Amino acid sequence: MKHLLQDWLTIRGQIHRFSSFYFFLDYDGTLTPIVSRPELAFLSSEAREVLIQLRDCPQVLLAIISGRTLEDLYAMIGIPGITYVGNHGLEIRNPAGIHKKMLSASRRREIKQIQAALKTSFGALPGILFEDKESILSVHYRMVARENQEKVSREIEKFMKKWGARWTVIPGKMVYEIRPRADFHKGKAVRDLLKNVPLSPVLPFYFGDDQTDEDAFHFLKGRGITIFVGPPGSASEAEYFLQNPAEVLEFLEGIAETAPIGDFTAEKNRNGSAKKNGRMI
């Protein structure tokens, strides 16, 4: 992977072929740092301001795509006029309205049974956290002591032996997501959103930090600019990387402050308005 901020001139060559740009952004680990509990991942005022600037740019479409529920995601950001995608694509909120794919009654009963069984299996294991997201159950173990984390993996393996025909487990950063076996993921969400874009050529950018973002990286390969947020040695299908949410914000600020995007060039760098820490952004 190449560093996005250091390879801007290459990207600029692609940008001039497009009249509009679609920015897809994950939330946790991309717009905000990873924290111990999901409810503590607050959006900074600086990030909120740059999202508003991007929303108001005529060239730009903006979507936040997350594993959080739609209600939770909107509560954390709360900016009207952009698209929110929750539960990895099962829920969408945009200016046209709210669209949700709900579990059947039998599936809801099953996920309640699964949660109860796992809680019994884990007992009073310190640090385990269950997050019921209506259609998905997340089991967070970031705060579980290292010597007990293997127990979490063993219990998840037992779960798969019993429920694997109808449910699947997707690992993330110190979390297991238990999902119904169905055709949904972030890549499909991106595909569906791009289908509704006007015919003028649009260049998609996708920023994400987790395994669940790999479906979007795969779908956009050869179609857009994909950016993994994390260490450059990580295994990812993304073409570029940024090391942390601070660098994501740095890049987005540069984009938002230099609209139209096609003018975000080396000339601005020479004038000192598009260079930080010696790197082209």
C-alpha atoms as a PDB file:
ATOM      1  CA  MET A   1       0.000   0.000   0.000  1.00  0.00           C
ATOM      2  CA  LYS A   2       1.120   3.548  -0.743  1.00  0.00           C
ATOM      3  CA  HIS A   3       0.687   6.448   1.653  1.00  0.00           C
ATOM      4  CA  LEU A   4      -2.236   8.567   0.448  1.00  0.00           C
ATOM      5  CA  LEU A   5      -0.773  11.895   1.546  1.00  0.00           C
ATOM      6  CA  GLN A   6       2.519  11.207  -0.199  1.00  0.00           C
ATOM      7  CA  ASP A   7       1.031  10.037  -3.499  1.00  0.00           C
ATOM      8  CA  TRP A   8      -1.409  12.861  -4.179  1.00  0.00           C
ATOM      9  CA  LEU A   9       0.031  13.823  -7.584  1.00  0.00           C
ATOM     10  CA  THR A  10      -0.709  10.321  -8.883  1.00  0.00           C
ATOM     11  CA  ILE A  11      -4.288  10.509  -7.641  1.00  0.00           C
ATOM     12  CA  ARG A  12      -4.669  13.996  -9.087  1.00  0.00           C
ATOM     13  CA  GLY A  13      -4.132  12.517 -12.532  1.00  0.00           C
ATOM     14  CA  GLN A  14      -7.256  10.396 -12.030  1.00  0.00           C
ATOM     15  CA  ILE A  15      -9.336  13.169 -10.507  1.00  0.00           C
ATOM     16  CA  HIS A  16      -9.458  15.371 -13.603  1.00  0.00           C
ATOM     17  CA  ARG A  17     -11.437  12.691 -15.470  1.00  0.00           C
ATOM     18  CA  PHE A  18     -14.347  13.047 -13.035  1.00  0.00           C
ATOM     19  CA  SER A  19     -16.906  15.757 -12.328  1.00  0.00           C
ATOM     20  CA  SER A  20     -18.061  14.465  -8.924  1.00  0.00           C
ATOM     21  CA  PHE A  21     -16.705  12.479  -6.008  1.00  0.00           C
ATOM     22  CA  TYR A  22     -18.303  10.085  -3.518  1.00  0.00           C
ATOM     23  CA  PHE A  23     -16.620   9.821  -0.113  1.00  0.00           C
ATOM     24  CA  PHE A  24     -17.486   6.653   1.849  1.00  0.00           C
ATOM     25  CA  LEU A  25     -16.222   6.736   5.433  1.00  0.00           C
ATOM     26  CA  ASP A  26     -16.269   4.157   8.175  1.00  0.00           C
ATOM     27  CA  TYR A  27     -16.778   5.597  11.665  1.00  0.00           C
ATOM     28  CA  ASP A  28     -14.950   3.734  14.454  1.00  0.00           C
ATOM     29  CA  GLY A  29     -11.213   3.643  13.808  1.00  0.00           C
ATOM     30  CA  THR A  30     -11.559   5.887  10.749  1.00  0.00           C
ATOM     31  CA  LEU A  31     -13.295   9.110  11.746  1.00  0.00           C
ATOM     32  CA  THR A  32     -12.698   8.474  15.451  1.00  0.00           C
ATOM     33  CA  PRO A  33     -10.010   6.526  17.333  1.00  0.00           C
ATOM     34  CA  ILE A  34     -10.839   3.072  18.677  1.00  0.00           C
ATOM     35  CA  VAL A  35     -11.920   3.341  22.328  1.00  0.00           C
ATOM     36  CA  SER A  36     -12.723   0.886  25.112  1.00  0.00           C
ATOM     37  CA  ARG A  37     -16.511   1.157  24.775  1.00  0.00           C
ATOM     38  CA  PRO A  38     -18.566   2.031  21.642  1.00  0.00           C
ATOM     39  CA  GLU A  39     -20.497   4.833  23.356  1.00  0.00           C
ATOM     40  CA  LEU A  40     -17.230   6.685  24.081  1.00  0.00           C
ATOM     41  CA  ALA A  41     -16.269   7.133  20.407  1.00  0.00           C
ATOM     42  CA  PHE A  42     -17.249  10.793  20.135  1.00  0.00           C
ATOM     43  CA  LEU A  43     -16.782  12.712  16.890  1.00  0.00           C
ATOM     44  CA  SER A  44     -14.431  15.666  17.346  1.00  0.00           C
ATOM     45  CA  SER A  45     -15.602  19.174  16.537  1.00  0.00           C
ATOM     46  CA  GLU A  46     -12.894  19.353  13.851  1.00  0.00           C
ATOM     47  CA  ALA A  47     -14.151  16.188  12.164  1.00  0.00           C
ATOM     48  CA  ARG A  48     -17.749  17.400  12.377  1.00  0.00           C
ATOM     49  CA  GLU A  49     -16.813  20.686  10.710  1.00  0.00           C
ATOM     50  CA  VAL A  50     -14.979  19.010   7.830  1.00  0.00           C
ATOM     51  CA  LEU A  51     -17.927  16.653   7.208  1.00  0.00           C
ATOM     52  CA  ILE A  52     -20.224  19.666   6.989  1.00  0.00           C
ATOM     53  CA  GLN A  53     -17.824  21.345   4.552  1.00  0.00           C
ATOM     54  CA  LEU A  54     -17.761  18.233   2.363  1.00  0.00           C
ATOM     55  CA  ARG A  55     -21.566  17.943   2.492  1.00  0.00           C
ATOM     56  CA  ASP A  56     -21.858  21.511   1.243  1.00  0.00           C
ATOM     57  CA  CYS A  57     -19.434  21.015  -1.662  1.00  0.00           C
ATOM     58  CA  PRO A  58     -21.465  20.663  -4.914  1.00  0.00           C
ATOM     59  CA  GLN A  59     -18.989  18.125  -6.297  1.00  0.00           C
ATOM     60  CA  VAL A  60     -19.185  15.792  -3.315  1.00  0.00           C
ATOM     61  CA  LEU A  61     -21.517  13.019  -2.166  1.00  0.00           C
ATOM     62  CA  LEU A  62     -20.910  11.752   1.364  1.00  0.00           C
ATOM     63  CA  ALA A  63     -21.847   8.526   3.150  1.00  0.00           C
ATOM     64  CA  ILE A  64     -20.904   7.139   6.563  1.00  0.00           C
ATOM     65  CA  ILE A  65     -20.888   3.325   6.525  1.00  0.00           C
ATOM     66  CA  SER A  66     -20.693   1.521   9.863  1.00  0.00           C
ATOM     67  CA  GLY A  67     -21.458  -1.626  11.761  1.00  0.00           C
ATOM     68  CA  ARG A  68     -23.319   0.500  14.295  1.00  0.00           C
ATOM     69  CA  THR A  69     -27.084   0.693  14.221  1.00  0.00           C
ATOM     70  CA  LEU A  70     -28.527   3.525  12.175  1.00  0.00           C
ATOM     71  CA  GLU A  71     -29.907   5.275  15.267  1.00  0.00           C
ATOM     72  CA  ASP A  72     -26.590   5.011  17.087  1.00  0.00           C
ATOM     73  CA  LEU A  73     -24.605   6.234  14.083  1.00  0.00           C
ATOM     74  CA  TYR A  74     -26.840   9.255  13.536  1.00  0.00           C
ATOM     75  CA  ALA A  75     -26.772  10.068  17.247  1.00  0.00           C
ATOM     76  CA  MET A  76     -22.958  10.092  17.189  1.00  0.00           C
ATOM     77  CA  ILE A  77     -22.742  12.359  14.109  1.00  0.00           C
ATOM     78  CA  GLY A  78     -26.107  14.101  13.720  1.00  0.00           C
ATOM     79  CA  ILE A  79     -25.339  15.957  10.488  1.00  0.00           C
ATOM     80  CA  PRO A  80     -28.393  16.185   8.196  1.00  0.00           C
ATOM     81  CA  GLY A  81     -28.168  15.973   4.429  1.00  0.00           C
ATOM     82  CA  ILE A  82     -25.738  13.052   4.136  1.00  0.00           C
ATOM     83  CA  THR A  83     -26.227   9.294   3.827  1.00  0.00           C
ATOM     84  CA  TYR A  84     -25.875   7.004   6.832  1.00  0.00           C
ATOM     85  CA  VAL A  85     -25.504   3.249   6.409  1.00  0.00           C
ATOM     86  CA  GLY A  86     -25.896   1.149   9.562  1.00  0.00           C
ATOM     87  CA  ASN A  87     -25.425  -2.534  10.373  1.00  0.00           C
ATOM     88  CA  HIS A  88     -23.094  -2.998   7.390  1.00  0.00           C
ATOM     89  CA  GLY A  89     -25.801  -2.148   4.886  1.00  0.00           C
ATOM     90  CA  LEU A  90     -28.991  -3.454   6.472  1.00  0.00           C
ATOM     91  CA  GLU A  91     -30.097   0.090   7.324  1.00  0.00           C
ATOM     92  CA  ILE A  92     -29.862   3.304   5.290  1.00  0.00           C
ATOM     93  CA  ARG A  93     -30.839   6.869   6.128  1.00  0.00           C
ATOM     94  CA  ASN A  94     -30.553   9.522   3.431  1.00  0.00           C
ATOM     95  CA  PRO A  95     -32.452  12.681   2.447  1.00  0.00           C
ATOM     96  CA  ALA A  96     -35.078  10.459   0.786  1.00  0.00           C
ATOM     97  CA  GLY A  97     -35.926   8.625   4.010  1.00  0.00           C
ATOM     98  CA  ILE A  98     -35.048   5.614   6.158  1.00  0.00           C
ATOM     99  CA  HIS A  99     -34.841   2.082   4.783  1.00  0.00           C
ATOM    100  CA  LYS A 100     -34.318  -0.994   6.971  1.00  0.00           C
ATOM    101  CA  LYS A 101     -34.127  -4.728   6.392  1.00  0.00           C
ATOM    102  CA  MET A 102     -35.460  -6.348   9.550  1.00  0.00           C
ATOM    103  CA  LEU A 103     -35.021  -9.846  10.892  1.00  0.00           C
ATOM    104  CA  SER A 104     -38.015 -12.151  10.811  1.00  0.00           C
ATOM    105  CA  ALA A 105     -39.684 -12.955  14.116  1.00  0.00           C
ATOM    106  CA  SER A 106     -38.030 -16.380  14.195  1.00  0.00           C
ATOM    107  CA  ARG A 107     -34.592 -14.857  13.591  1.00  0.00           C
ATOM    108  CA  ARG A 108     -35.160 -12.340  16.388  1.00  0.00           C
ATOM    109  CA  ARG A 109     -36.031 -15.189  18.751  1.00  0.00           C
ATOM    110  CA  GLU A 110     -32.885 -17.008  17.701  1.00  0.00           C
ATOM    111  CA  ILE A 111     -30.588 -14.052  18.284  1.00  0.00           C
ATOM    112  CA  LYS A 112     -32.089 -13.578  21.742  1.00  0.00           C
ATOM    113  CA  GLN A 113     -31.431 -17.268  22.454  1.00  0.00           C
ATOM    114  CA  ILE A 114     -27.868 -16.914  21.182  1.00  0.00           C
ATOM    115  CA  GLN A 115     -27.217 -13.890  23.365  1.00  0.00           C
ATOM    116  CA  ALA A 116     -28.649 -15.628  26.455  1.00  0.00           C
ATOM    117  CA  ALA A 117     -26.592 -18.771  25.789  1.00  0.00           C
ATOM    118  CA  LEU A 118     -23.368 -16.810  25.323  1.00  0.00           C
ATOM    119  CA  LYS A 119     -23.977 -14.788  28.469  1.00  0.00           C
ATOM    120  CA  THR A 120     -24.417 -18.040  30.374  1.00  0.00           C
ATOM    121  CA  SER A 121     -21.251 -19.486  28.827  1.00  0.00           C
ATOM    122  CA  PHE A 122     -19.157 -16.438  29.649  1.00  0.00           C
ATOM    123  CA  GLY A 123     -20.637 -16.139  33.120  1.00  0.00           C
ATOM    124  CA  ALA A 124     -19.169 -13.187  34.966  1.00  0.00           C
ATOM    125  CA  LEU A 125     -16.115 -12.903  32.704  1.00  0.00           C
ATOM    126  CA  PRO A 126     -14.799  -9.393  33.418  1.00  0.00           C
ATOM    127  CA  GLY A 127     -14.664  -7.056  30.440  1.00  0.00           C
ATOM    128  CA  ILE A 128     -17.016  -8.900  28.054  1.00  0.00           C
ATOM    129  CA  LEU A 129     -19.569  -6.579  26.459  1.00  0.00           C
ATOM    130  CA  PHE A 130     -22.647  -7.545  24.424  1.00  0.00           C
ATOM    131  CA  GLU A 131     -24.123  -5.051  21.959  1.00  0.00           C
ATOM    132  CA  ASP A 132     -27.540  -5.971  20.591  1.00  0.00           C
ATOM    133  CA  LYS A 133     -27.898  -4.143  17.264  1.00  0.00           C
ATOM    134  CA  GLU A 134     -31.308  -5.632  16.405  1.00  0.00           C
ATOM    135  CA  SER A 135     -30.113  -7.633  13.390  1.00  0.00           C
ATOM    136  CA  ILE A 136     -26.531  -8.238  14.569  1.00  0.00           C
ATOM    137  CA  LEU A 137     -25.065  -9.194  17.942  1.00  0.00           C
ATOM    138  CA  SER A 138     -21.592  -7.836  18.697  1.00  0.00           C
ATOM    139  CA  VAL A 139     -19.437  -9.460  21.372  1.00  0.00           C
ATOM    140  CA  HIS A 140     -16.701  -6.996  22.421  1.00  0.00           C
ATOM    141  CA  TYR A 141     -13.704  -8.328  24.334  1.00  0.00           C
ATOM    142  CA  ARG A 142     -11.272  -5.389  24.242  1.00  0.00           C
ATOM    143  CA  MET A 143     -11.490  -5.050  28.022  1.00  0.00           C
ATOM    144  CA  VAL A 144     -11.128  -8.802  28.710  1.00  0.00           C
ATOM    145  CA  ALA A 145      -7.790  -9.726  30.303  1.00  0.00           C
ATOM    146  CA  ARG A 146      -5.351 -11.234  27.808  1.00  0.00           C
ATOM    147  CA  GLU A 147      -5.258 -14.580  29.627  1.00  0.00           C
ATOM    148  CA  ASN A 148      -9.056 -14.882  29.249  1.00  0.00           C
ATOM    149  CA  GLN A 149      -9.358 -13.934  25.582  1.00  0.00           C
ATOM    150  CA  GLU A 150      -8.839 -17.513  24.411  1.00  0.00           C
ATOM    151  CA  LYS A 151     -11.998 -18.455  26.333  1.00  0.00           C
ATOM    152  CA  VAL A 152     -13.913 -15.942  24.215  1.00  0.00           C
ATOM    153  CA  SER A 153     -12.660 -17.595  21.012  1.00  0.00           C
ATOM    154  CA  ARG A 154     -13.541 -21.080  22.302  1.00  0.00           C
ATOM    155  CA  GLU A 155     -17.091 -20.069  23.155  1.00  0.00           C
ATOM    156  CA  ILE A 156     -17.550 -18.473  19.732  1.00  0.00           C
ATOM    157  CA  GLU A 157     -16.342 -21.712  18.119  1.00  0.00           C
ATOM    158  CA  LYS A 158     -18.933 -23.659  20.124  1.00  0.00           C
ATOM    159  CA  PHE A 159     -21.575 -21.219  18.950  1.00  0.00           C
ATOM    160  CA  MET A 160     -20.670 -21.873  15.297  1.00  0.00           C
ATOM    161  CA  LYS A 161     -21.022 -25.636  15.702  1.00  0.00           C
ATOM    162  CA  LYS A 162     -24.620 -25.193  16.837  1.00  0.00           C
ATOM    163  CA  TRP A 163     -25.796 -22.159  14.839  1.00  0.00           C
ATOM    164  CA  GLY A 164     -23.448 -22.064  11.843  1.00  0.00           C
ATOM    165  CA  ALA A 165     -26.088 -23.120   9.323  1.00  0.00           C
ATOM    166  CA  ARG A 166     -28.167 -19.973   9.868  1.00  0.00           C
ATOM    167  CA  TRP A 167     -25.700 -17.545  11.474  1.00  0.00           C
ATOM    168  CA  THR A 168     -22.101 -16.573  10.856  1.00  0.00           C
ATOM    169  CA  VAL A 169     -19.349 -14.889  12.857  1.00  0.00           C
ATOM    170  CA  ILE A 170     -17.281 -12.029  11.434  1.00  0.00           C
ATOM    171  CA  PRO A 171     -14.187 -11.106  13.469  1.00  0.00           C
ATOM    172  CA  GLY A 172     -13.210  -7.454  13.864  1.00  0.00           C
ATOM    173  CA  LYS A 173     -10.917  -5.414  16.086  1.00  0.00           C
ATOM    174  CA  MET A 174     -11.420  -7.113  19.456  1.00  0.00           C
ATOM    175  CA  VAL A 175     -15.012  -7.928  18.556  1.00  0.00           C
ATOM    176  CA  TYR A 176     -16.974 -10.833  17.082  1.00  0.00           C
ATOM    177  CA  GLU A 177     -20.094  -9.966  15.101  1.00  0.00           C
ATOM    178  CA  ILE A 178     -22.807 -12.586  14.926  1.00  0.00           C
ATOM    179  CA  ARG A 179     -24.867 -12.040  11.794  1.00  0.00           C
ATOM    180  CA  PRO A 180     -27.615 -13.899   9.941  1.00  0.00           C
ATOM    181  CA  ARG A 181     -26.406 -15.713   6.846  1.00  0.00           C
ATOM    182  CA  ALA A 182     -27.691 -13.278   4.232  1.00  0.00           C
ATOM    183  CA  ASP A 183     -26.371 -11.273   1.308  1.00  0.00           C
ATOM    184  CA  PHE A 184     -25.268  -7.998   2.883  1.00  0.00           C
ATOM    185  CA  HIS A 185     -21.942  -6.323   3.532  1.00  0.00           C
ATOM    186  CA  LYS A 186     -20.310  -2.930   3.065  1.00  0.00           C
ATOM    187  CA  GLY A 187     -19.242  -3.690  -0.491  1.00  0.00           C
ATOM    188  CA  LYS A 188     -22.822  -4.379  -1.507  1.00  0.00           C
ATOM    189  CA  ALA A 189     -23.929  -1.194   0.266  1.00  0.00           C
ATOM    190  CA  VAL A 190     -21.399   0.833  -1.734  1.00  0.00           C
ATOM    191  CA  ARG A 191     -22.506  -0.818  -4.964  1.00  0.00           C
ATOM    192  CA  ASP A 192     -26.163  -0.020  -4.289  1.00  0.00           C
ATOM    193  CA  LEU A 193     -25.441   3.606  -3.386  1.00  0.00           C
ATOM    194  CA  LEU A 194     -23.368   4.133  -6.528  1.00  0.00           C
ATOM    195  CA  LYS A 195     -26.222   2.777  -8.658  1.00  0.00           C
ATOM    196  CA  ASN A 196     -28.314   5.778  -7.618  1.00  0.00           C
ATOM    197  CA  VAL A 197     -25.716   8.396  -8.519  1.00  0.00           C
ATOM    198  CA  PRO A 198     -26.537  10.611 -11.553  1.00  0.00           C
ATOM    199  CA  LEU A 199     -24.891   9.587 -14.816  1.00  0.00           C
ATOM    200  CA  SER A 200     -22.064  12.155 -14.616  1.00  0.00           C
ATOM    201  CA  PRO A 201     -18.778  10.326 -13.900  1.00  0.00           C
ATOM    202  CA  VAL A 202     -18.174   9.913 -10.162  1.00  0.00           C
ATOM    203  CA  LEU A 203     -14.934   8.838  -8.459  1.00  0.00           C
ATOM    204  CA  PRO A 204     -15.508   6.948  -5.185  1.00  0.00           C
ATOM    205  CA  PHE A 205     -13.132   7.148  -2.216  1.00  0.00           C
ATOM    206  CA  TYR A 206     -13.523   4.568   0.553  1.00  0.00           C
ATOM    207  CA  PHE A 207     -11.850   4.869   3.985  1.00  0.00           C
ATOM    208  CA  GLY A 208     -11.983   1.980   6.459  1.00  0.00           C
ATOM    209  CA  ASP A 209      -9.905   0.278   9.127  1.00  0.00           C
ATOM    210  CA  ASP A 210     -11.401  -3.139   9.751  1.00  0.00           C
ATOM    211  CA  GLN A 211     -12.012  -6.545   8.227  1.00  0.00           C
ATOM    212  CA  THR A 212     -15.604  -5.556   7.458  1.00  0.00           C
ATOM    213  CA  ASP A 213     -14.307  -2.825   5.112  1.00  0.00           C
ATOM    214  CA  GLU A 214     -12.468  -5.337   2.925  1.00  0.00           C
ATOM    215  CA  ASP A 215     -15.657  -6.154   0.984  1.00  0.00           C
ATOM    216  CA  ALA A 216     -15.839  -2.495  -0.070  1.00  0.00           C
ATOM    217  CA  PHE A 217     -12.123  -2.406  -0.946  1.00  0.00           C
ATOM    218  CA  HIS A 218     -12.618  -5.507  -3.091  1.00  0.00           C
ATOM    219  CA  PHE A 219     -15.664  -4.117  -4.892  1.00  0.00           C
ATOM    220  CA  LEU A 220     -13.964  -0.776  -5.637  1.00  0.00           C
ATOM    221  CA  LYS A 221     -10.694  -2.256  -6.897  1.00  0.00           C
ATOM    222  CA  GLY A 222     -10.097  -0.616 -10.274  1.00  0.00           C
ATOM    223  CA  ARG A 223     -13.199   1.573  -9.774  1.00  0.00           C
ATOM    224  CA  GLY A 224     -12.095   4.032  -7.094  1.00  0.00           C
ATOM    225  CA  ILE A 225      -9.585   5.098  -4.455  1.00  0.00           C
ATOM    226  CA  THR A 226      -9.441   2.730  -1.472  1.00  0.00           C
ATOM    227  CA  ILE A 227      -7.725   3.713   1.776  1.00  0.00           C
ATOM    228  CA  PHE A 228      -6.960   1.425   4.706  1.00  0.00           C
ATOM    229  CA  VAL A 229      -6.623   3.243   8.029  1.00  0.00           C
ATOM    230  CA  GLY A 230      -3.870   1.614  10.059  1.00  0.00           C
ATOM    231  CA  PRO A 231      -0.293   0.337   9.835  1.00  0.00           C
ATOM    232  CA  PRO A 232       1.039  -0.031   6.262  1.00  0.00           C
ATOM    233  CA  GLY A 233       2.058  -3.667   6.836  1.00  0.00           C
ATOM    234  CA  SER A 234      -1.531  -4.782   7.450  1.00  0.00           C
ATOM    235  CA  ALA A 235      -3.122  -7.282   5.085  1.00  0.00           C
ATOM    236  CA  SER A 236      -5.670  -5.370   3.026  1.00  0.00           C
ATOM    237  CA  GLU A 237      -6.977  -5.076  -0.514  1.00  0.00           C
ATOM    238  CA  ALA A 238      -6.844  -1.270  -0.249  1.00  0.00           C
ATOM    239  CA  GLU A 239      -4.487   0.534  -2.614  1.00  0.00           C
ATOM    240  CA  TYR A 240      -3.501   3.285  -0.160  1.00  0.00           C
ATOM    241  CA  PHE A 241      -3.173   3.719   3.584  1.00  0.00           C
ATOM    242  CA  LEU A 242      -3.390   6.414   6.234  1.00  0.00           C
ATOM    243  CA  GLN A 243      -1.983   5.590   9.630  1.00  0.00           C
ATOM    244  CA  ASN A 244      -4.783   6.837  11.888  1.00  0.00           C
ATOM    245  CA  PRO A 245      -7.943   8.974  12.076  1.00  0.00           C
ATOM    246  CA  ALA A 246      -5.794  12.103  12.514  1.00  0.00           C
ATOM    247  CA  GLU A 247      -4.362  11.562   9.026  1.00  0.00           C
ATOM    248  CA  VAL A 248      -7.855  10.900   7.653  1.00  0.00           C
ATOM    249  CA  LEU A 249      -8.950  14.243   9.057  1.00  0.00           C
ATOM    250  CA  GLU A 250      -5.834  15.936   7.642  1.00  0.00           C
ATOM    251  CA  PHE A 251      -6.617  14.647   4.166  1.00  0.00           C
ATOM    252  CA  LEU A 252     -10.324  15.525   4.326  1.00  0.00           C
ATOM    253  CA  GLU A 253      -9.546  19.021   5.600  1.00  0.00           C
ATOM    254  CA  GLY A 254      -7.271  19.562   2.620  1.00  0.00           C
ATOM    255  CA  ILE A 255      -9.989  18.377   0.242  1.00  0.00           C
ATOM    256  CA  ALA A 256     -12.730  20.475   1.883  1.00  0.00           C
ATOM    257  CA  GLU A 257     -10.662  23.662   1.991  1.00  0.00           C
ATOM    258  CA  THR A 258      -9.564  23.568  -1.649  1.00  0.00           C
ATOM    259  CA  ALA A 259     -12.782  22.942  -3.579  1.00  0.00           C
ATOM    260  CA  PRO A 260     -13.174  22.499  -6.462  1.00  0.00           C
ATOM    261  CA  ILE A 261     -11.248  19.296  -5.903  1.00  0.00           C
ATOM    262  CA  GLY A 262      -9.476  19.471  -9.243  1.00  0.00           C
ATOM    263  CA  ASP A 263      -7.632  22.565  -7.980  1.00  0.00           C
ATOM    264  CA  PHE A 264      -6.036  20.647  -5.097  1.00  0.00           C
ATOM    265  CA  THR A 265      -2.623  20.665  -6.817  1.00  0.00           C
ATOM    266  CA  ALA A 266       1.093  21.094  -6.479  1.00  0.00           C
ATOM    267  CA  GLU A 267       0.670  24.804  -7.166  1.00  0.00           C
ATOM    268  CA  LYS A 268      -1.220  25.107  -3.887  1.00  0.00           C
ATOM    269  CA  ASN A 269       1.583  23.189  -2.232  1.00  0.00           C
ATOM    270  CA  ARG A 270       4.104  25.752  -3.459  1.00  0.00           C
ATOM    271  CA  ASN A 271       1.913  28.500  -2.033  1.00  0.00           C
ATOM    272  CA  GLY A 272       2.008  26.727   1.330  1.00  0.00           C
ATOM    273  CA  SER A 273      -1.697  25.983   1.601  1.00  0.00           C
ATOM    274  CA  ALA A 274      -1.650  22.255   0.928  1.00  0.00           C
ATOM    275  CA  LYS A 275       1.391  20.981   2.737  1.00  0.00           C
ATOM    276  CA  LYS A 276       1.753  19.667   6.267  1.00  0.00           C
ATOM    277  CA  ASN A 277       4.772  18.057   7.838  1.00  0.00           C
ATOM    278  CA  GLY A 278       6.562  18.166   4.509  1.00  0.00           C
ATOM    279  CA  ARG A 279       4.038  15.897   2.758  1.00  0.00           C
ATOM    280  CA  MET A 280       1.799  16.576  -0.185  1.00  0.00           C
ATOM    281  CA  ILE A 281      -1.818  16.264   0.872  1.00  0.00           C
END
